[in-house]
Amino acid sequence: MCRSGGPKDSHLGEDDELPDWFRYAVIVVILHAGVTVIHAAAHFALQILPPVLDTLFILVVIVALPILSALFIRTAACARWSYLIAFAASFVYGALSHFVLPGVDNVISISASAWATIFQATTFLLAILEALGVAIGMGLVFRREPRPESVLPSA
C-alpha cells in the first residue's frame, strides 16, 4: 500500500510553496503531456499506428501514469516511485522504437515532410523530457529529508 510522505508533506498551507523537486516534476509532466499530444498527431498524420499492446502501454505508462503520479507526488511515496518508473519505462520504450529498432517508427526511416520534421523533433524532445523525468524521479525517490538539529540540554 502507498504510504504518506509524512505529516509535513500531507498538505500545503496558504503560504507554503511547492518545493523545487515537486515543482520540477510537475513542469516536466506538463511539458511531456503537451509534446506527447503533438507527437501523437504526427504519428496519425504519417499513418504510423502502433500495435494494440503498444497502444495500451503508451496510454497507460507514457500518458496516464506520469499525470497520475504528479497529482499525488507530494503526499504519497509510491507516487514518486511510479513517476520514476513511468519516465524510465517511457525513455526505454521511446529509445528502442525511435532510435534503435528498425521499423516505420524509427526517426531515420521517415520520409521527408513537414509532419516527419514534427515527428522527429518531438521524438528528440520526448527523449530529453523523459531523461529529465528519470533524473527528477531519482531525486524525489532517493532524496534525504533534512534532519532537525538536535538541541542538547546544557549541563
Foldseek 3Di string as FASTA:
>chain_A
DWAWPDDVLADADPPRDDDPLLVVLVVLLVVQQVLVVLLVVLCVVQVPDDDPVVVVCCVPLRNPLSVVLSVCVSTTLVSLVSQLVSLVVQLVVLCCQADNDDDPNHLVNDDDDPSSVSNVVSSVVSNVSSVVSNVSSCCSNVPDDDDDDDDDDDD
